Amino acid sequence: MDIDFVRIQRVFRDIARMGGDETKISQNEFITAMRLLGLNPTESDTRDLLARHDKDGSGDLDLEEFRTLVLELYESKTAMEEDLEQAFDHYDTDGSGKLDALEIKKILCDLGDEPLSYEEADEFLTQLDTDADGKISLQELKALLHSEDFYEPQDEVAP
């Protein structure tokens, strides 16, 4: 993913100008700027990022703080995409560019710190398989990675 520093600066200036101060952006303006740059950090991530990058503790970000923060997010997003591509290639043993939904269901239900139930896996795969062909493509996985739903915490279900 190429980082366009001119675009980052332009987004910062436009958002800051709308906020009435061309030298800084607030937390809410930061979220808007992230969306314009194609990044969708969660509320929790936003708070953590702002706390780490707001060097003067003002609660706002200046251009340099913003630029450093955006660079970190782009690097993180690029690393996630690379990990996703490697994992996809590992499981795409026939090189078809698609993974069988049943195989993915098995992975989701058997692996990880918090495996899904079969019902949760079915629901997830229904949303993921956008062309309803019973297979999951790398493009479908990347679309999920770039969606806001991927980053938003799910509501807890009461026991």
N, C-alpha and C. Protein backbone atom coordinates (compact mmCIF):
# COMPACT_ATOMS: atom_id res chain seq x y z
N MET A 1 0.86 -1.17 0.00
CA MET A 1 0.00 0.00 0.00
C MET A 1 0.90 1.23 0.00
N ASP A 2 0.76 2.09 -0.98
CA ASP A 2 1.56 3.29 -1.06
C ASP A 2 0.95 4.38 -0.19
N ILE A 3 1.81 5.08 0.51
CA ILE A 3 1.36 6.15 1.39
C ILE A 3 1.54 7.47 0.65
N ASP A 4 0.46 8.20 0.52
CA ASP A 4 0.45 9.48 -0.18
C ASP A 4 0.47 10.59 0.87
N PHE A 5 1.68 11.09 1.17
CA PHE A 5 1.81 12.10 2.21
C PHE A 5 1.12 13.41 1.85
N VAL A 6 1.05 13.71 0.57
CA VAL A 6 0.34 14.92 0.14
C VAL A 6 -1.15 14.78 0.45
N ARG A 7 -1.70 13.61 0.19
CA ARG A 7 -3.12 13.37 0.50
C ARG A 7 -3.37 13.43 2.00
N ILE A 8 -2.47 12.85 2.79
CA ILE A 8 -2.61 12.90 4.24
C ILE A 8 -2.64 14.34 4.72
N GLN A 9 -1.72 15.15 4.20
CA GLN A 9 -1.67 16.57 4.59
C GLN A 9 -2.93 17.31 4.14
N ARG A 10 -3.40 17.02 2.94
CA ARG A 10 -4.60 17.68 2.41
C ARG A 10 -5.82 17.33 3.26
N VAL A 11 -5.97 16.05 3.62
CA VAL A 11 -7.09 15.64 4.47
C VAL A 11 -7.00 16.34 5.82
N PHE A 12 -5.80 16.37 6.40
CA PHE A 12 -5.63 17.05 7.68
C PHE A 12 -6.04 18.52 7.58
N ARG A 13 -5.54 19.22 6.58
CA ARG A 13 -5.84 20.65 6.42
C ARG A 13 -7.34 20.89 6.20
N ASP A 14 -7.97 20.06 5.36
CA ASP A 14 -9.40 20.24 5.10
C ASP A 14 -10.23 20.01 6.36
N ILE A 15 -9.93 18.95 7.10
CA ILE A 15 -10.67 18.65 8.33
C ILE A 15 -10.41 19.73 9.37
N ALA A 16 -9.15 20.13 9.52
CA ALA A 16 -8.81 21.16 10.51
C ALA A 16 -9.50 22.47 10.18
N ARG A 17 -9.54 22.81 8.90
CA ARG A 17 -10.18 24.06 8.47
C ARG A 17 -11.67 24.04 8.82
N MET A 18 -12.31 22.89 8.61
CA MET A 18 -13.74 22.78 8.94
C MET A 18 -13.96 22.93 10.44
N GLY A 19 -12.97 22.52 11.24
CA GLY A 19 -13.07 22.62 12.69
C GLY A 19 -12.74 24.01 13.21
N GLY A 20 -12.28 24.88 12.33
CA GLY A 20 -12.03 26.26 12.73
C GLY A 20 -10.59 26.56 13.12
N ASP A 21 -9.73 25.57 13.16
CA ASP A 21 -8.32 25.78 13.50
C ASP A 21 -7.48 24.96 12.54
N GLU A 22 -6.77 25.62 11.66
CA GLU A 22 -6.03 24.92 10.61
C GLU A 22 -4.79 24.19 11.10
N THR A 23 -4.47 24.30 12.39
CA THR A 23 -3.24 23.70 12.89
C THR A 23 -3.45 22.42 13.69
N LYS A 24 -4.71 22.07 13.98
CA LYS A 24 -4.95 20.87 14.78
C LYS A 24 -6.32 20.30 14.47
N ILE A 25 -6.49 19.00 14.83
CA ILE A 25 -7.79 18.36 14.70
C ILE A 25 -8.14 17.69 16.03
N SER A 26 -9.42 17.63 16.32
CA SER A 26 -9.91 17.01 17.55
C SER A 26 -10.07 15.51 17.35
N GLN A 27 -10.44 14.81 18.42
CA GLN A 27 -10.66 13.37 18.33
C GLN A 27 -11.76 13.04 17.32
N ASN A 28 -12.87 13.74 17.37
CA ASN A 28 -13.96 13.48 16.42
C ASN A 28 -13.53 13.78 14.99
N GLU A 29 -12.78 14.85 14.80
CA GLU A 29 -12.28 15.18 13.47
C GLU A 29 -11.28 14.12 12.99
N PHE A 30 -10.51 13.58 13.93
CA PHE A 30 -9.55 12.52 13.62
C PHE A 30 -10.27 11.31 13.03
N ILE A 31 -11.39 10.93 13.64
CA ILE A 31 -12.15 9.78 13.15
C ILE A 31 -12.63 10.03 11.72
N THR A 32 -13.13 11.23 11.46
CA THR A 32 -13.55 11.59 10.10
C THR A 32 -12.38 11.50 9.13
N ALA A 33 -11.24 12.02 9.55
CA ALA A 33 -10.05 11.98 8.69
C ALA A 33 -9.64 10.54 8.38
N MET A 34 -9.73 9.67 9.38
CA MET A 34 -9.37 8.26 9.16
C MET A 34 -10.28 7.62 8.11
N ARG A 35 -11.55 7.90 8.21
CA ARG A 35 -12.51 7.35 7.24
C ARG A 35 -12.18 7.85 5.83
N LEU A 36 -11.84 9.13 5.71
CA LEU A 36 -11.49 9.68 4.40
C LEU A 36 -10.23 9.04 3.82
N LEU A 37 -9.35 8.56 4.70
CA LEU A 37 -8.12 7.92 4.24
C LEU A 37 -8.27 6.41 4.09
N GLY A 38 -9.50 5.90 4.31
CA GLY A 38 -9.75 4.48 4.13
C GLY A 38 -9.33 3.63 5.31
N LEU A 39 -9.18 4.24 6.47
CA LEU A 39 -8.81 3.52 7.69
C LEU A 39 -9.99 3.56 8.65
N ASN A 40 -10.21 2.47 9.36
CA ASN A 40 -11.38 2.39 10.24
C ASN A 40 -11.01 1.84 11.62
N PRO A 41 -10.20 2.58 12.38
CA PRO A 41 -9.87 2.08 13.71
C PRO A 41 -11.10 2.08 14.61
N THR A 42 -11.12 1.17 15.58
CA THR A 42 -12.21 1.12 16.54
C THR A 42 -12.12 2.31 17.47
N GLU A 43 -13.18 2.53 18.25
CA GLU A 43 -13.17 3.61 19.23
C GLU A 43 -12.03 3.41 20.22
N SER A 44 -11.87 2.17 20.66
CA SER A 44 -10.80 1.84 21.61
C SER A 44 -9.43 2.11 20.99
N ASP A 45 -9.23 1.68 19.75
CA ASP A 45 -7.96 1.94 19.07
C ASP A 45 -7.73 3.43 18.91
N THR A 46 -8.79 4.16 18.61
CA THR A 46 -8.68 5.61 18.44
C THR A 46 -8.18 6.25 19.72
N ARG A 47 -8.77 5.89 20.86
CA ARG A 47 -8.33 6.45 22.14
C ARG A 47 -6.87 6.11 22.40
N ASP A 48 -6.49 4.85 22.17
CA ASP A 48 -5.10 4.44 22.40
C ASP A 48 -4.14 5.19 21.48
N LEU A 49 -4.50 5.29 20.21
CA LEU A 49 -3.65 5.99 19.25
C LEU A 49 -3.48 7.46 19.62
N LEU A 50 -4.58 8.10 19.97
CA LEU A 50 -4.49 9.51 20.34
C LEU A 50 -3.65 9.70 21.59
N ALA A 51 -3.80 8.83 22.57
CA ALA A 51 -3.01 8.94 23.81
C ALA A 51 -1.51 8.78 23.50
N ARG A 52 -1.17 7.88 22.59
CA ARG A 52 0.25 7.66 22.26
C ARG A 52 0.85 8.76 21.40
N HIS A 53 0.03 9.36 20.53
CA HIS A 53 0.58 10.30 19.55
C HIS A 53 0.34 11.77 19.88
N ASP A 54 -0.50 12.05 20.84
CA ASP A 54 -0.75 13.43 21.26
C ASP A 54 0.37 13.83 22.22
N LYS A 55 1.51 14.19 21.66
CA LYS A 55 2.74 14.42 22.44
C LYS A 55 2.59 15.55 23.47
N ASP A 56 1.82 16.58 23.13
CA ASP A 56 1.70 17.71 24.06
C ASP A 56 0.51 17.56 25.01
N GLY A 57 -0.25 16.46 24.88
CA GLY A 57 -1.36 16.21 25.79
C GLY A 57 -2.54 17.15 25.65
N SER A 58 -2.66 17.80 24.51
CA SER A 58 -3.71 18.79 24.31
C SER A 58 -5.08 18.18 24.02
N GLY A 59 -5.11 16.89 23.65
CA GLY A 59 -6.36 16.27 23.24
C GLY A 59 -6.62 16.43 21.75
N ASP A 60 -5.76 17.19 21.10
CA ASP A 60 -5.84 17.42 19.66
C ASP A 60 -4.54 16.93 19.02
N LEU A 61 -4.57 16.78 17.71
CA LEU A 61 -3.38 16.39 16.97
C LEU A 61 -2.95 17.50 16.03
N ASP A 62 -1.64 17.79 16.02
CA ASP A 62 -1.13 18.69 15.00
C ASP A 62 -0.75 17.85 13.79
N LEU A 63 -0.30 18.49 12.73
CA LEU A 63 -0.03 17.77 11.48
C LEU A 63 1.02 16.69 11.66
N GLU A 64 2.10 16.97 12.37
CA GLU A 64 3.16 15.97 12.53
C GLU A 64 2.68 14.78 13.35
N GLU A 65 1.93 15.03 14.42
CA GLU A 65 1.37 13.93 15.22
C GLU A 65 0.43 13.09 14.36
N PHE A 66 -0.40 13.76 13.56
CA PHE A 66 -1.35 13.08 12.69
C PHE A 66 -0.62 12.23 11.65
N ARG A 67 0.39 12.79 11.03
CA ARG A 67 1.14 12.09 10.00
C ARG A 67 1.80 10.82 10.57
N THR A 68 2.40 10.93 11.74
CA THR A 68 3.04 9.78 12.38
C THR A 68 2.02 8.70 12.70
N LEU A 69 0.86 9.11 13.20
CA LEU A 69 -0.21 8.18 13.55
C LEU A 69 -0.74 7.46 12.32
N VAL A 70 -0.98 8.19 11.25
CA VAL A 70 -1.50 7.60 10.01
C VAL A 70 -0.49 6.61 9.43
N LEU A 71 0.78 6.95 9.49
CA LEU A 71 1.82 6.04 9.01
C LEU A 71 1.77 4.73 9.79
N GLU A 72 1.61 4.80 11.10
CA GLU A 72 1.51 3.59 11.93
C GLU A 72 0.30 2.75 11.52
N LEU A 73 -0.83 3.40 11.28
CA LEU A 73 -2.03 2.67 10.89
C LEU A 73 -1.88 2.02 9.52
N TYR A 74 -1.29 2.73 8.57
CA TYR A 74 -1.07 2.16 7.24
C TYR A 74 -0.14 0.95 7.33
N GLU A 75 0.92 1.05 8.13
CA GLU A 75 1.84 -0.07 8.28
C GLU A 75 1.13 -1.27 8.90
N SER A 76 0.29 -1.02 9.88
CA SER A 76 -0.47 -2.09 10.53
C SER A 76 -1.43 -2.74 9.55
N LYS A 77 -2.12 -1.92 8.77
CA LYS A 77 -3.08 -2.43 7.79
C LYS A 77 -2.36 -3.25 6.71
N THR A 78 -1.21 -2.77 6.27
CA THR A 78 -0.43 -3.49 5.27
C THR A 78 0.04 -4.83 5.82
N ALA A 79 0.48 -4.85 7.07
CA ALA A 79 0.94 -6.10 7.69
C ALA A 79 -0.22 -7.10 7.80
N MET A 80 -1.42 -6.60 8.15
CA MET A 80 -2.58 -7.50 8.23
C MET A 80 -2.92 -8.08 6.87
N GLU A 81 -2.84 -7.25 5.83
CA GLU A 81 -3.13 -7.74 4.48
C GLU A 81 -2.11 -8.79 4.06
N GLU A 82 -0.84 -8.56 4.37
CA GLU A 82 0.19 -9.53 4.02
C GLU A 82 -0.02 -10.84 4.77
N ASP A 83 -0.36 -10.76 6.06
CA ASP A 83 -0.65 -11.97 6.84
C ASP A 83 -1.84 -12.72 6.26
N LEU A 84 -2.87 -11.97 5.87
CA LEU A 84 -4.06 -12.59 5.28
C LEU A 84 -3.71 -13.30 3.98
N GLU A 85 -2.92 -12.66 3.13
CA GLU A 85 -2.53 -13.27 1.87
C GLU A 85 -1.70 -14.54 2.09
N GLN A 86 -0.79 -14.51 3.06
CA GLN A 86 0.03 -15.69 3.35
C GLN A 86 -0.85 -16.84 3.86
N ALA A 87 -1.76 -16.52 4.77
CA ALA A 87 -2.65 -17.55 5.31
C ALA A 87 -3.53 -18.12 4.20
N PHE A 88 -4.05 -17.24 3.35
CA PHE A 88 -4.90 -17.68 2.25
C PHE A 88 -4.12 -18.62 1.34
N ASP A 89 -2.92 -18.22 0.96
CA ASP A 89 -2.09 -19.05 0.07
C ASP A 89 -1.78 -20.40 0.71
N HIS A 90 -1.58 -20.41 2.02
CA HIS A 90 -1.29 -21.67 2.73
C HIS A 90 -2.46 -22.64 2.60
N TYR A 91 -3.68 -22.14 2.76
CA TYR A 91 -4.85 -23.02 2.72
C TYR A 91 -5.39 -23.26 1.31
N ASP A 92 -5.00 -22.42 0.36
CA ASP A 92 -5.43 -22.60 -1.03
C ASP A 92 -4.48 -23.59 -1.71
N THR A 93 -4.56 -24.84 -1.29
CA THR A 93 -3.61 -25.85 -1.74
C THR A 93 -3.71 -26.18 -3.22
N ASP A 94 -4.89 -25.98 -3.81
CA ASP A 94 -5.02 -26.28 -5.24
C ASP A 94 -4.75 -25.07 -6.12
N GLY A 95 -4.47 -23.92 -5.50
CA GLY A 95 -4.15 -22.71 -6.26
C GLY A 95 -5.30 -22.12 -7.03
N SER A 96 -6.53 -22.44 -6.64
CA SER A 96 -7.72 -21.97 -7.36
C SER A 96 -8.07 -20.52 -7.08
N GLY A 97 -7.51 -19.97 -6.02
CA GLY A 97 -7.87 -18.60 -5.65
C GLY A 97 -9.13 -18.55 -4.80
N LYS A 98 -9.64 -19.71 -4.41
CA LYS A 98 -10.84 -19.79 -3.57
C LYS A 98 -10.64 -20.88 -2.53
N LEU A 99 -11.24 -20.67 -1.38
CA LEU A 99 -11.23 -21.67 -0.32
C LEU A 99 -12.64 -22.19 -0.14
N ASP A 100 -12.77 -23.48 0.03
CA ASP A 100 -14.06 -24.09 0.26
C ASP A 100 -14.62 -23.62 1.60
N ALA A 101 -15.86 -23.20 1.61
CA ALA A 101 -16.48 -22.67 2.83
C ALA A 101 -16.49 -23.69 3.96
N LEU A 102 -16.64 -24.96 3.63
CA LEU A 102 -16.64 -26.00 4.67
C LEU A 102 -15.27 -26.12 5.34
N GLU A 103 -14.21 -25.96 4.55
CA GLU A 103 -12.86 -25.99 5.13
C GLU A 103 -12.63 -24.79 6.04
N ILE A 104 -13.09 -23.64 5.60
CA ILE A 104 -12.95 -22.45 6.44
C ILE A 104 -13.76 -22.61 7.72
N LYS A 105 -14.94 -23.21 7.61
CA LYS A 105 -15.77 -23.44 8.79
C LYS A 105 -15.01 -24.31 9.79
N LYS A 106 -14.35 -25.34 9.31
CA LYS A 106 -13.58 -26.21 10.19
C LYS A 106 -12.47 -25.43 10.88
N ILE A 107 -11.79 -24.58 10.14
CA ILE A 107 -10.71 -23.76 10.71
C ILE A 107 -11.28 -22.83 11.78
N LEU A 108 -12.38 -22.17 11.48
CA LEU A 108 -12.99 -21.23 12.43
C LEU A 108 -13.46 -21.92 13.71
N CYS A 109 -13.89 -23.15 13.59
CA CYS A 109 -14.44 -23.88 14.74
C CYS A 109 -13.38 -24.64 15.53
N ASP A 110 -12.23 -24.88 14.92
CA ASP A 110 -11.23 -25.71 15.58
C ASP A 110 -9.98 -24.97 16.03
N LEU A 111 -9.69 -23.83 15.44
CA LEU A 111 -8.44 -23.14 15.73
C LEU A 111 -8.66 -21.81 16.44
N GLY A 112 -7.60 -21.29 17.00
CA GLY A 112 -7.63 -19.97 17.60
C GLY A 112 -7.93 -20.01 19.09
N ASP A 113 -7.75 -18.86 19.71
CA ASP A 113 -7.99 -18.74 21.14
C ASP A 113 -9.47 -18.84 21.48
N GLU A 114 -10.32 -18.37 20.56
CA GLU A 114 -11.76 -18.39 20.78
C GLU A 114 -12.46 -18.96 19.55
N PRO A 115 -12.44 -20.30 19.42
CA PRO A 115 -13.10 -20.90 18.24
C PRO A 115 -14.59 -20.56 18.21
N LEU A 116 -15.12 -20.47 17.01
CA LEU A 116 -16.54 -20.18 16.84
C LEU A 116 -17.36 -21.46 16.96
N SER A 117 -18.62 -21.29 17.32
CA SER A 117 -19.54 -22.41 17.27
C SER A 117 -19.88 -22.64 15.79
N TYR A 118 -20.47 -23.78 15.46
CA TYR A 118 -20.86 -24.04 14.08
C TYR A 118 -21.88 -23.01 13.58
N GLU A 119 -22.78 -22.59 14.47
CA GLU A 119 -23.79 -21.59 14.09
C GLU A 119 -23.13 -20.24 13.81
N GLU A 120 -22.18 -19.84 14.65
CA GLU A 120 -21.46 -18.57 14.44
C GLU A 120 -20.67 -18.63 13.14
N ALA A 121 -20.03 -19.77 12.89
CA ALA A 121 -19.24 -19.93 11.66
C ALA A 121 -20.14 -19.85 10.43
N ASP A 122 -21.33 -20.49 10.49
CA ASP A 122 -22.27 -20.42 9.37
C ASP A 122 -22.69 -18.99 9.09
N GLU A 123 -23.02 -18.25 10.14
CA GLU A 123 -23.44 -16.85 9.98
C GLU A 123 -22.30 -16.02 9.39
N PHE A 124 -21.11 -16.22 9.89
CA PHE A 124 -19.95 -15.49 9.40
C PHE A 124 -19.70 -15.79 7.92
N LEU A 125 -19.76 -17.06 7.55
CA LEU A 125 -19.51 -17.45 6.16
C LEU A 125 -20.59 -16.94 5.22
N THR A 126 -21.83 -16.89 5.69
CA THR A 126 -22.91 -16.35 4.86
C THR A 126 -22.63 -14.88 4.53
N GLN A 127 -22.15 -14.13 5.51
CA GLN A 127 -21.83 -12.72 5.27
C GLN A 127 -20.59 -12.57 4.40
N LEU A 128 -19.65 -13.47 4.58
CA LEU A 128 -18.37 -13.39 3.87
C LEU A 128 -18.49 -13.80 2.41
N ASP A 129 -19.28 -14.81 2.12
CA ASP A 129 -19.41 -15.35 0.76
C ASP A 129 -20.37 -14.48 -0.05
N THR A 130 -19.89 -13.33 -0.47
CA THR A 130 -20.76 -12.33 -1.10
C THR A 130 -21.33 -12.77 -2.44
N ASP A 131 -20.64 -13.67 -3.14
CA ASP A 131 -21.18 -14.13 -4.42
C ASP A 131 -21.94 -15.46 -4.29
N ALA A 132 -22.08 -15.96 -3.06
CA ALA A 132 -22.88 -17.16 -2.74
C ALA A 132 -22.49 -18.38 -3.57
N ASP A 133 -21.19 -18.54 -3.81
CA ASP A 133 -20.75 -19.71 -4.58
C ASP A 133 -20.24 -20.85 -3.70
N GLY A 134 -20.34 -20.68 -2.37
CA GLY A 134 -19.88 -21.72 -1.46
C GLY A 134 -18.37 -21.74 -1.28
N LYS A 135 -17.70 -20.75 -1.84
CA LYS A 135 -16.25 -20.63 -1.72
C LYS A 135 -15.92 -19.19 -1.32
N ILE A 136 -14.77 -19.04 -0.68
CA ILE A 136 -14.35 -17.72 -0.22
C ILE A 136 -13.08 -17.34 -0.99
N SER A 137 -13.13 -16.18 -1.64
CA SER A 137 -11.97 -15.70 -2.38
C SER A 137 -11.15 -14.75 -1.51
N LEU A 138 -9.92 -14.51 -1.93
CA LEU A 138 -9.07 -13.56 -1.22
C LEU A 138 -9.72 -12.17 -1.24
N GLN A 139 -10.38 -11.83 -2.35
CA GLN A 139 -11.05 -10.53 -2.44
C GLN A 139 -12.17 -10.41 -1.39
N GLU A 140 -12.91 -11.49 -1.18
CA GLU A 140 -13.97 -11.46 -0.17
C GLU A 140 -13.38 -11.29 1.23
N LEU A 141 -12.25 -11.94 1.49
CA LEU A 141 -11.60 -11.77 2.79
C LEU A 141 -11.06 -10.36 2.96
N LYS A 142 -10.46 -9.81 1.91
CA LYS A 142 -9.95 -8.44 1.99
C LYS A 142 -11.08 -7.44 2.17
N ALA A 143 -12.21 -7.68 1.53
CA ALA A 143 -13.36 -6.78 1.71
C ALA A 143 -13.79 -6.76 3.17
N LEU A 144 -13.75 -7.91 3.81
CA LEU A 144 -14.07 -7.97 5.24
C LEU A 144 -13.05 -7.19 6.04
N LEU A 145 -11.79 -7.37 5.73
CA LEU A 145 -10.71 -6.69 6.44
C LEU A 145 -10.86 -5.18 6.35
N HIS A 146 -11.36 -4.69 5.23
CA HIS A 146 -11.50 -3.25 5.02
C HIS A 146 -12.84 -2.70 5.48
N SER A 147 -13.74 -3.57 5.92
CA SER A 147 -15.06 -3.10 6.33
C SER A 147 -15.04 -2.60 7.77
N GLU A 148 -15.95 -1.68 8.07
CA GLU A 148 -16.07 -1.18 9.44
C GLU A 148 -16.50 -2.28 10.38
N ASP A 149 -17.31 -3.22 9.92
CA ASP A 149 -17.80 -4.29 10.79
C ASP A 149 -16.66 -5.13 11.34
N PHE A 150 -15.58 -5.27 10.59
CA PHE A 150 -14.46 -6.07 11.03
C PHE A 150 -13.83 -5.48 12.28
N TYR A 151 -13.84 -4.16 12.39
CA TYR A 151 -13.17 -3.48 13.49
C TYR A 151 -14.07 -3.19 14.67
N GLU A 152 -15.36 -3.25 14.47
CA GLU A 152 -16.29 -2.91 15.54
C GLU A 152 -16.49 -4.09 16.47
N PRO A 153 -16.41 -3.85 17.80
CA PRO A 153 -16.64 -4.95 18.72
C PRO A 153 -18.08 -5.43 18.62
N GLN A 154 -18.24 -6.73 18.76
CA GLN A 154 -19.58 -7.31 18.70
C GLN A 154 -20.24 -7.17 20.06
N ASP A 155 -21.56 -7.05 20.07
CA ASP A 155 -22.31 -6.97 21.32
C ASP A 155 -22.15 -8.27 22.08
N GLU A 156 -21.95 -8.14 23.37
CA GLU A 156 -21.85 -9.32 24.22
C GLU A 156 -23.24 -9.93 24.41
N VAL A 157 -23.31 -11.22 24.42
CA VAL A 157 -24.55 -11.92 24.63
C VAL A 157 -24.61 -12.34 26.10
N ALA A 158 -25.70 -12.03 26.76
CA ALA A 158 -25.85 -12.38 28.17
C ALA A 158 -25.97 -13.88 28.31
N PRO A 159 -25.35 -14.45 29.39
CA PRO A 159 -25.44 -15.91 29.57
C PRO A 159 -26.82 -16.39 29.91
